[in-house]
PDB file of all heavy atoms in Angstrom:
ATOM      1  N   SER A   1     111.165  96.884  84.597  1.00  0.00           N
ATOM      2  CA  SER A   1     111.163  96.022  83.415  1.00  0.00           C
ATOM      3  C   SER A   1     112.383  95.100  83.392  1.00  0.00           C
ATOM      4  O   SER A   1     112.406  94.110  82.650  1.00  0.00           O
ATOM      5  CB  SER A   1     111.134  96.860  82.134  1.00  0.00           C
ATOM      6  OG  SER A   1     112.306  97.654  82.033  1.00  0.00           O
ATOM      7  N   LEU A   2     113.379  95.426  84.200  1.00  0.00           N
ATOM      8  CA  LEU A   2     114.624  94.662  84.199  1.00  0.00           C
ATOM      9  C   LEU A   2     114.812  93.819  85.459  1.00  0.00           C
ATOM     10  O   LEU A   2     115.527  92.825  85.436  1.00  0.00           O
ATOM     11  CB  LEU A   2     115.826  95.605  84.065  1.00  0.00           C
ATOM     12  CG  LEU A   2     115.816  96.594  82.897  1.00  0.00           C
ATOM     13  CD1 LEU A   2     117.063  97.464  82.944  1.00  0.00           C
ATOM     14  CD2 LEU A   2     115.717  95.859  81.565  1.00  0.00           C
ATOM     15  N   ALA A   3     114.184  94.227  86.555  1.00  0.00           N
ATOM     16  CA  ALA A   3     114.451  93.566  87.830  1.00  0.00           C
ATOM     17  C   ALA A   3     113.180  93.436  88.657  1.00  0.00           C
ATOM     18  O   ALA A   3     112.195  94.148  88.442  1.00  0.00           O
ATOM     19  CB  ALA A   3     115.503  94.359  88.617  1.00  0.00           C
ATOM     20  N   ILE A   4     113.216  92.504  89.605  1.00  0.00           N
ATOM     21  CA  ILE A   4     112.138  92.322  90.566  1.00  0.00           C
ATOM     22  C   ILE A   4     112.727  92.468  91.964  1.00  0.00           C
ATOM     23  O   ILE A   4     113.942  92.361  92.153  1.00  0.00           O
ATOM     24  CB  ILE A   4     111.459  90.946  90.421  1.00  0.00           C
ATOM     25  CG1 ILE A   4     112.481  89.821  90.636  1.00  0.00           C
ATOM     26  CG2 ILE A   4     110.781  90.808  89.068  1.00  0.00           C
ATOM     27  CD1 ILE A   4     111.857  88.432  90.677  1.00  0.00           C
ATOM     28  N   ARG A   5     111.859  92.705  92.935  1.00  0.00           N
ATOM     29  CA  ARG A   5     112.333  92.782  94.315  1.00  0.00           C
ATOM     30  C   ARG A   5     112.021  91.464  95.024  1.00  0.00           C
ATOM     31  O   ARG A   5     110.881  91.015  95.045  1.00  0.00           O
ATOM     32  CB  ARG A   5     111.664  93.942  95.063  1.00  0.00           C
ATOM     33  CG  ARG A   5     112.392  94.253  96.378  1.00  0.00           C
ATOM     34  CD  ARG A   5     111.743  95.392  97.135  1.00  0.00           C
ATOM     35  NE  ARG A   5     111.693  96.627  96.388  1.00  0.00           N
ATOM     36  CZ  ARG A   5     112.724  97.471  96.275  1.00  0.00           C
ATOM     37  NH1 ARG A   5     113.889  97.188  96.840  1.00  0.00           N
ATOM     38  NH2 ARG A   5     112.599  98.587  95.591  1.00  0.00           N
ATOM     39  N   GLU A   6     113.045  90.879  95.572  1.00  0.00           N
ATOM     40  CA  GLU A   6     112.872  89.610  96.268  1.00  0.00           C
ATOM     41  C   GLU A   6     112.369  89.855  97.689  1.00  0.00           C
ATOM     42  O   GLU A   6     112.294  90.994  98.166  1.00  0.00           O
ATOM     43  CB  GLU A   6     114.194  88.843  96.284  1.00  0.00           C
ATOM     44  CG  GLU A   6     114.674  88.481  94.874  1.00  0.00           C
ATOM     45  CD  GLU A   6     115.809  87.489  94.901  1.00  0.00           C
ATOM     46  OE1 GLU A   6     116.909  87.857  95.347  1.00  0.00           O
ATOM     47  OE2 GLU A   6     115.568  86.339  94.484  1.00  0.00           O
ATOM     48  N   GLN A   7     112.051  88.767  98.387  1.00  0.00           N
ATOM     49  CA  GLN A   7     111.496  88.900  99.735  1.00  0.00           C
ATOM     50  C   GLN A   7     112.468  89.566 100.698  1.00  0.00           C
ATOM     51  O   GLN A   7     112.053  90.230 101.644  1.00  0.00           O
ATOM     52  CB  GLN A   7     111.072  87.527 100.270  1.00  0.00           C
ATOM     53  CG  GLN A   7     109.819  86.965  99.598  1.00  0.00           C
ATOM     54  CD  GLN A   7     109.338  85.699 100.273  1.00  0.00           C
ATOM     55  OE1 GLN A   7     110.024  85.120 101.122  1.00  0.00           O
ATOM     56  NE2 GLN A   7     108.126  85.269  99.925  1.00  0.00           N
ATOM     57  N   ASN A   8     113.766  89.392 100.465  1.00  0.00           N
ATOM     58  CA  ASN A   8     114.753  90.053 101.331  1.00  0.00           C
ATOM     59  C   ASN A   8     115.010  91.501 100.903  1.00  0.00           C
ATOM     60  O   ASN A   8     115.917  92.146 101.415  1.00  0.00           O
ATOM     61  CB  ASN A   8     116.060  89.265 101.348  1.00  0.00           C
ATOM     62  CG  ASN A   8     116.742  89.222  99.980  1.00  0.00           C
ATOM     63  OD1 ASN A   8     116.256  89.787  98.995  1.00  0.00           O
ATOM     64  ND2 ASN A   8     117.873  88.540  99.912  1.00  0.00           N
ATOM     65  N   LEU A   9     114.187  91.996  99.937  1.00  0.00           N
ATOM     66  CA  LEU A   9     114.169  93.386  99.471  1.00  0.00           C
ATOM     67  C   LEU A   9     115.321  93.755  98.534  1.00  0.00           C
ATOM     68  O   LEU A   9     115.436  94.906  98.097  1.00  0.00           O
ATOM     69  CB  LEU A   9     114.127  94.375 100.644  1.00  0.00           C
ATOM     70  CG  LEU A   9     112.928  94.188 101.590  1.00  0.00           C
ATOM     71  CD1 LEU A   9     112.946  95.251 102.680  1.00  0.00           C
ATOM     72  CD2 LEU A   9     111.608  94.252 100.821  1.00  0.00           C
ATOM     73  N   THR A  10     116.179  92.802  98.189  1.00  0.00           N
ATOM     74  CA  THR A  10     117.207  93.068  97.189  1.00  0.00           C
ATOM     75  C   THR A  10     116.600  92.925  95.794  1.00  0.00           C
ATOM     76  O   THR A  10     115.549  92.304  95.605  1.00  0.00           O
ATOM     77  CB  THR A  10     118.385  92.095  97.332  1.00  0.00           C
ATOM     78  OG1 THR A  10     117.915  90.754  97.111  1.00  0.00           O
ATOM     79  CG2 THR A  10     119.007  92.194  98.708  1.00  0.00           C
ATOM     80  N   LEU A  11     117.267  93.518  94.795  1.00  0.00           N
ATOM     81  CA  LEU A  11     116.806  93.415  93.421  1.00  0.00           C
ATOM     82  C   LEU A  11     117.452  92.221  92.736  1.00  0.00           C
ATOM     83  O   LEU A  11     118.626  91.919  92.961  1.00  0.00           O
ATOM     84  CB  LEU A  11     117.129  94.695  92.640  1.00  0.00           C
ATOM     85  CG  LEU A  11     116.521  95.995  93.134  1.00  0.00           C
ATOM     86  CD1 LEU A  11     116.677  97.088  92.074  1.00  0.00           C
ATOM     87  CD2 LEU A  11     115.068  95.836  93.520  1.00  0.00           C
ATOM     88  N   LYS A  12     116.674  91.577  91.889  1.00  0.00           N
ATOM     89  CA  LYS A  12     117.154  90.430  91.123  1.00  0.00           C
ATOM     90  C   LYS A  12     116.734  90.623  89.675  1.00  0.00           C
ATOM     91  O   LYS A  12     115.597  90.990  89.385  1.00  0.00           O
ATOM     92  CB  LYS A  12     116.556  89.134  91.669  1.00  0.00           C
ATOM     93  CG  LYS A  12     116.978  87.894  90.896  1.00  0.00           C
ATOM     94  CD  LYS A  12     116.297  86.648  91.443  1.00  0.00           C
ATOM     95  CE  LYS A  12     116.674  85.405  90.636  1.00  0.00           C
ATOM     96  NZ  LYS A  12     115.977  84.189  91.168  1.00  0.00           N
ATOM     97  N   LEU A  13     117.661  90.391  88.751  1.00  0.00           N
ATOM     98  CA  LEU A  13     117.361  90.538  87.334  1.00  0.00           C
ATOM     99  C   LEU A  13     116.271  89.560  86.909  1.00  0.00           C
ATOM    100  O   LEU A  13     116.234  88.411  87.363  1.00  0.00           O
ATOM    101  CB  LEU A  13     118.616  90.293  86.498  1.00  0.00           C
ATOM    102  CG  LEU A  13     119.722  91.344  86.588  1.00  0.00           C
ATOM    103  CD1 LEU A  13     120.930  90.892  85.794  1.00  0.00           C
ATOM    104  CD2 LEU A  13     119.229  92.691  86.077  1.00  0.00           C
ATOM    105  N   ARG A  14     115.392  90.023  86.039  1.00  0.00           N
ATOM    106  CA  ARG A  14     114.350  89.143  85.511  1.00  0.00           C
ATOM    107  C   ARG A  14     114.955  88.053  84.630  1.00  0.00           C
ATOM    108  O   ARG A  14     114.461  86.918  84.620  1.00  0.00           O
ATOM    109  CB  ARG A  14     113.328  89.955  84.712  1.00  0.00           C
ATOM    110  CG  ARG A  14     112.494  90.898  85.577  1.00  0.00           C
ATOM    111  CD  ARG A  14     111.448  91.628  84.752  1.00  0.00           C
ATOM    112  NE  ARG A  14     110.628  92.504  85.587  1.00  0.00           N
ATOM    113  CZ  ARG A  14     109.524  92.131  86.228  1.00  0.00           C
ATOM    114  NH1 ARG A  14     109.095  90.879  86.111  1.00  0.00           N
ATOM    115  NH2 ARG A  14     108.842  92.988  86.965  1.00  0.00           N
ATOM    116  N   ARG A  15     116.021  88.413  83.901  1.00  0.00           N
ATOM    117  CA  ARG A  15     116.742  87.445  83.081  1.00  0.00           C
ATOM    118  C   ARG A  15     118.212  87.824  83.076  1.00  0.00           C
ATOM    119  O   ARG A  15     118.569  89.000  83.201  1.00  0.00           O
ATOM    120  CB  ARG A  15     116.231  87.430  81.625  1.00  0.00           C
ATOM    121  CG  ARG A  15     114.770  87.144  81.437  1.00  0.00           C
ATOM    122  CD  ARG A  15     114.462  86.887  79.952  1.00  0.00           C
ATOM    123  NE  ARG A  15     115.048  87.896  79.067  1.00  0.00           N
ATOM    124  CZ  ARG A  15     114.455  89.025  78.718  1.00  0.00           C
ATOM    125  NH1 ARG A  15     113.255  89.314  79.190  1.00  0.00           N
ATOM    126  NH2 ARG A  15     115.052  89.883  77.904  1.00  0.00           N
ATOM    127  N   GLY A  16     119.043  86.855  82.888  1.00  0.00           N
ATOM    128  CA  GLY A  16     120.478  87.092  82.895  1.00  0.00           C
ATOM    129  C   GLY A  16     120.943  87.998  81.785  1.00  0.00           C
ATOM    130  O   GLY A  16     121.928  88.745  81.950  1.00  0.00           O
ATOM    131  N   ASP A  17     120.251  87.994  80.637  1.00  0.00           N
ATOM    132  CA  ASP A  17     120.707  88.801  79.506  1.00  0.00           C
ATOM    133  C   ASP A  17     120.364  90.285  79.661  1.00  0.00           C
ATOM    134  O   ASP A  17     120.674  91.098  78.787  1.00  0.00           O
ATOM    135  CB  ASP A  17     120.126  88.262  78.193  1.00  0.00           C
ATOM    136  CG  ASP A  17     118.598  88.292  78.162  1.00  0.00           C
ATOM    137  OD1 ASP A  17     117.983  88.575  79.225  1.00  0.00           O
ATOM    138  OD2 ASP A  17     118.028  88.034  77.090  1.00  0.00           O
ATOM    139  N   LEU A  18     119.733  90.644  80.788  1.00  0.00           N
ATOM    140  CA  LEU A  18     119.401  92.044  81.041  1.00  0.00           C
ATOM    141  C   LEU A  18     120.470  92.759  81.864  1.00  0.00           C
ATOM    142  O   LEU A  18     120.333  93.942  82.161  1.00  0.00           O
ATOM    143  CB  LEU A  18     118.054  92.142  81.770  1.00  0.00           C
ATOM    144  CG  LEU A  18     116.837  91.600  81.012  1.00  0.00           C
ATOM    145  CD1 LEU A  18     115.603  91.643  81.909  1.00  0.00           C
ATOM    146  CD2 LEU A  18     116.596  92.391  79.728  1.00  0.00           C
ATOM    147  N   ARG A  19     121.523  92.044  82.210  1.00  0.00           N
ATOM    148  CA  ARG A  19     122.528  92.608  83.114  1.00  0.00           C
ATOM    149  C   ARG A  19     123.176  93.864  82.540  1.00  0.00           C
ATOM    150  O   ARG A  19     123.377  94.857  83.250  1.00  0.00           O
ATOM    151  CB  ARG A  19     123.606  91.563  83.426  1.00  0.00           C
ATOM    152  CG  ARG A  19     124.670  92.068  84.413  1.00  0.00           C
ATOM    153  CD  ARG A  19     125.575  90.938  84.866  1.00  0.00           C
ATOM    154  NE  ARG A  19     124.801  89.888  85.506  1.00  0.00           N
ATOM    155  CZ  ARG A  19     124.378  89.935  86.771  1.00  0.00           C
ATOM    156  NH1 ARG A  19     124.653  90.997  87.519  1.00  0.00           N
ATOM    157  NH2 ARG A  19     123.691  88.957  87.282  1.00  0.00           N
ATOM    158  N   LYS A  20     123.502  93.837  81.246  1.00  0.00           N
ATOM    159  CA  LYS A  20     124.182  94.980  80.644  1.00  0.00           C
ATOM    160  C   LYS A  20     123.306  96.224  80.708  1.00  0.00           C
ATOM    161  O   LYS A  20     123.774  97.323  81.055  1.00  0.00           O
ATOM    162  CB  LYS A  20     124.558  94.676  79.195  1.00  0.00           C
ATOM    163  CG  LYS A  20     125.344  95.794  78.528  1.00  0.00           C
ATOM    164  CD  LYS A  20     125.738  95.407  77.110  1.00  0.00           C
ATOM    165  CE  LYS A  20     126.513  96.541  76.442  1.00  0.00           C
ATOM    166  NZ  LYS A  20     126.902  96.179  75.041  1.00  0.00           N
ATOM    167  N   ARG A  21     122.023  96.083  80.404  1.00  0.00           N
ATOM    168  CA  ARG A  21     121.109  97.220  80.447  1.00  0.00           C
ATOM    169  C   ARG A  21     120.933  97.729  81.869  1.00  0.00           C
ATOM    170  O   ARG A  21     120.881  98.935  82.114  1.00  0.00           O
ATOM    171  CB  ARG A  21     119.752  96.829  79.854  1.00  0.00           C
ATOM    172  CG  ARG A  21     119.773  96.597  78.350  1.00  0.00           C
ATOM    173  CD  ARG A  21     118.432  96.092  77.852  1.00  0.00           C
ATOM    174  NE  ARG A  21     117.354  97.037  78.165  1.00  0.00           N
ATOM    175  CZ  ARG A  21     116.068  96.744  78.039  1.00  0.00           C
ATOM    176  NH1 ARG A  21     115.693  95.536  77.631  1.00  0.00           N
ATOM    177  NH2 ARG A  21     115.150  97.652  78.327  1.00  0.00           N
ATOM    178  N   PHE A  22     120.847  96.809  82.825  1.00  0.00           N
ATOM    179  CA  PHE A  22     120.703  97.206  84.226  1.00  0.00           C
ATOM    180  C   PHE A  22     121.933  97.990  84.685  1.00  0.00           C
ATOM    181  O   PHE A  22     121.803  99.047  85.313  1.00  0.00           O
ATOM    182  CB  PHE A  22     120.501  95.966  85.095  1.00  0.00           C
ATOM    183  CG  PHE A  22     120.303  96.278  86.560  1.00  0.00           C
ATOM    184  CD1 PHE A  22     119.030  96.480  87.075  1.00  0.00           C
ATOM    185  CD2 PHE A  22     121.391  96.368  87.416  1.00  0.00           C
ATOM    186  CE1 PHE A  22     118.847  96.769  88.424  1.00  0.00           C
ATOM    187  CE2 PHE A  22     121.217  96.661  88.761  1.00  0.00           C
ATOM    188  CZ  PHE A  22     119.943  96.862  89.267  1.00  0.00           C
ATOM    189  N   GLN A  23     123.107  97.492  84.361  1.00  0.00           N
ATOM    190  CA  GLN A  23     124.340  98.154  84.784  1.00  0.00           C
ATOM    191  C   GLN A  23     124.519  99.506  84.110  1.00  0.00           C
ATOM    192  O   GLN A  23     125.025 100.450  84.707  1.00  0.00           O
ATOM    193  CB  GLN A  23     125.551  97.249  84.493  1.00  0.00           C
ATOM    194  CG  GLN A  23     125.636  96.025  85.382  1.00  0.00           C
ATOM    195  CD  GLN A  23     125.798  96.391  86.852  1.00  0.00           C
ATOM    196  OE1 GLN A  23     126.452  97.373  87.202  1.00  0.00           O
ATOM    197  NE2 GLN A  23     125.201  95.590  87.734  1.00  0.00           N
ATOM    198  N   PHE A  24     124.085  99.600  82.847  1.00  0.00           N
ATOM    199  CA  PHE A  24     124.157 100.876  82.146  1.00  0.00           C
ATOM    200  C   PHE A  24     123.308 101.923  82.851  1.00  0.00           C
ATOM    201  O   PHE A  24     123.735 103.058  83.083  1.00  0.00           O
ATOM    202  CB  PHE A  24     123.692 100.695  80.695  1.00  0.00           C
ATOM    203  CG  PHE A  24     123.674 101.968  79.900  1.00  0.00           C
ATOM    204  CD1 PHE A  24     124.843 102.547  79.459  1.00  0.00           C
ATOM    205  CD2 PHE A  24     122.464 102.588  79.590  1.00  0.00           C
ATOM    206  CE1 PHE A  24     124.829 103.732  78.722  1.00  0.00           C
ATOM    207  CE2 PHE A  24     122.441 103.772  78.858  1.00  0.00           C
ATOM    208  CZ  PHE A  24     123.624 104.341  78.425  1.00  0.00           C
ATOM    209  N   GLY A  25     122.088 101.535  83.226  1.00  0.00           N
ATOM    210  CA  GLY A  25     121.219 102.451  83.950  1.00  0.00           C
ATOM    211  C   GLY A  25     121.763 102.800  85.317  1.00  0.00           C
ATOM    212  O   GLY A  25     121.686 103.956  85.756  1.00  0.00           O
ATOM    213  N   LEU A  26     122.333 101.825  86.003  1.00  0.00           N
ATOM    214  CA  LEU A  26     122.900 102.074  87.322  1.00  0.00           C
ATOM    215  C   LEU A  26     124.089 103.033  87.237  1.00  0.00           C
ATOM    216  O   LEU A  26     124.244 103.930  88.081  1.00  0.00           O
ATOM    217  CB  LEU A  26     123.340 100.750  87.952  1.00  0.00           C
ATOM    218  CG  LEU A  26     123.915 100.818  89.367  1.00  0.00           C
ATOM    219  CD1 LEU A  26     122.908 101.407  90.341  1.00  0.00           C
ATOM    220  CD2 LEU A  26     124.360  99.425  89.824  1.00  0.00           C
ATOM    221  N   THR A  27     124.900 102.864  86.202  1.00  0.00           N
ATOM    222  CA  THR A  27     126.038 103.762  86.011  1.00  0.00           C
ATOM    223  C   THR A  27     125.578 105.192  85.798  1.00  0.00           C
ATOM    224  O   THR A  27     126.150 106.143  86.345  1.00  0.00           O
ATOM    225  CB  THR A  27     126.888 103.304  84.810  1.00  0.00           C
ATOM    226  OG1 THR A  27     127.416 102.004  85.081  1.00  0.00           O
ATOM    227  CG2 THR A  27     128.042 104.268  84.548  1.00  0.00           C
ATOM    228  N   ASN A  28     124.511 105.373  85.017  1.00  0.00           N
ATOM    229  CA  ASN A  28     123.986 106.711  84.789  1.00  0.00           C
ATOM    230  C   ASN A  28     123.338 107.293  86.043  1.00  0.00           C
ATOM    231  O   ASN A  28     123.380 108.503  86.269  1.00  0.00           O
ATOM    232  CB  ASN A  28     122.981 106.688  83.634  1.00  0.00           C
ATOM    233  CG  ASN A  28     123.660 106.664  82.285  1.00  0.00           C
ATOM    234  OD1 ASN A  28     124.655 107.334  82.069  1.00  0.00           O
ATOM    235  ND2 ASN A  28     123.135 105.864  81.377  1.00  0.00           N
ATOM    236  N   PHE A  29     122.749 106.429  86.858  1.00  0.00           N
ATOM    237  CA  PHE A  29     122.193 106.881  88.134  1.00  0.00           C
ATOM    238  C   PHE A  29     123.308 107.394  89.036  1.00  0.00           C
ATOM    239  O   PHE A  29     123.188 108.448  89.679  1.00  0.00           O
ATOM    240  CB  PHE A  29     121.460 105.708  88.798  1.00  0.00           C
ATOM    241  CG  PHE A  29     120.706 106.067  90.046  1.00  0.00           C
ATOM    242  CD1 PHE A  29     119.412 106.569  89.974  1.00  0.00           C
ATOM    243  CD2 PHE A  29     121.278 105.895  91.294  1.00  0.00           C
ATOM    244  CE1 PHE A  29     118.707 106.891  91.135  1.00  0.00           C
ATOM    245  CE2 PHE A  29     120.589 106.213  92.451  1.00  0.00           C
ATOM    246  CZ  PHE A  29     119.297 106.725  92.370  1.00  0.00           C
ATOM    247  N   MET A  30     124.418 106.670  89.061  1.00  0.00           N
ATOM    248  CA  MET A  30     125.574 107.105  89.847  1.00  0.00           C
ATOM    249  C   MET A  30     126.157 108.394  89.279  1.00  0.00           C
ATOM    250  O   MET A  30     126.601 109.273  90.021  1.00  0.00           O
ATOM    251  CB  MET A  30     126.621 105.990  89.868  1.00  0.00           C
ATOM    252  CG  MET A  30     126.140 104.721  90.558  1.00  0.00           C
ATOM    253  SD  MET A  30     127.209 103.289  90.291  1.00  0.00           S
ATOM    254  CE  MET A  30     128.696 103.811  91.148  1.00  0.00           C
ATOM    255  N   ARG A  31     126.136 108.527  87.962  1.00  0.00           N
ATOM    256  CA  ARG A  31     126.628 109.742  87.318  1.00  0.00           C
ATOM    257  C   ARG A  31     125.772 110.938  87.730  1.00  0.00           C
ATOM    258  O   ARG A  31     126.284 112.034  87.977  1.00  0.00           O
ATOM    259  CB  ARG A  31     126.593 109.566  85.799  1.00  0.00           C
ATOM    260  CG  ARG A  31     127.025 110.793  84.997  1.00  0.00           C
ATOM    261  CD  ARG A  31     126.828 110.536  83.513  1.00  0.00           C
ATOM    262  NE  ARG A  31     127.245 111.669  82.694  1.00  0.00           N
ATOM    263  CZ  ARG A  31     126.480 112.715  82.412  1.00  0.00           C
ATOM    264  NH1 ARG A  31     125.257 112.769  82.912  1.00  0.00           N
ATOM    265  NH2 ARG A  31     126.928 113.687  81.651  1.00  0.00           N
ATOM    266  N   GLU A  32     124.448 110.737  87.802  1.00  0.00           N
ATOM    267  CA  GLU A  32     123.574 111.818  88.229  1.00  0.00           C
ATOM    268  C   GLU A  32     123.903 112.258  89.652  1.00  0.00           C
ATOM    269  O   GLU A  32     123.935 113.455  89.954  1.00  0.00           O
ATOM    270  CB  GLU A  32     122.110 111.389  88.154  1.00  0.00           C
ATOM    271  CG  GLU A  32     121.149 112.474  88.600  1.00  0.00           C
ATOM    272  CD  GLU A  32     119.700 112.038  88.563  1.00  0.00           C
ATOM    273  OE1 GLU A  32     119.421 110.884  88.200  1.00  0.00           O
ATOM    274  OE2 GLU A  32     118.827 112.864  88.914  1.00  0.00           O
TER     275      GLU A  32
END
C-alpha cells in the first residue's frame, strides 16, 4: 500500500508523503 517494485526490483514509494509510514514499518522490521 506504500510502495511499488520498479523494473530494477528496488522499492519506490507510491507518494512522497508516505515516507514516514514506510520508515516506521522498516524500523519495526529491523527491530524484529
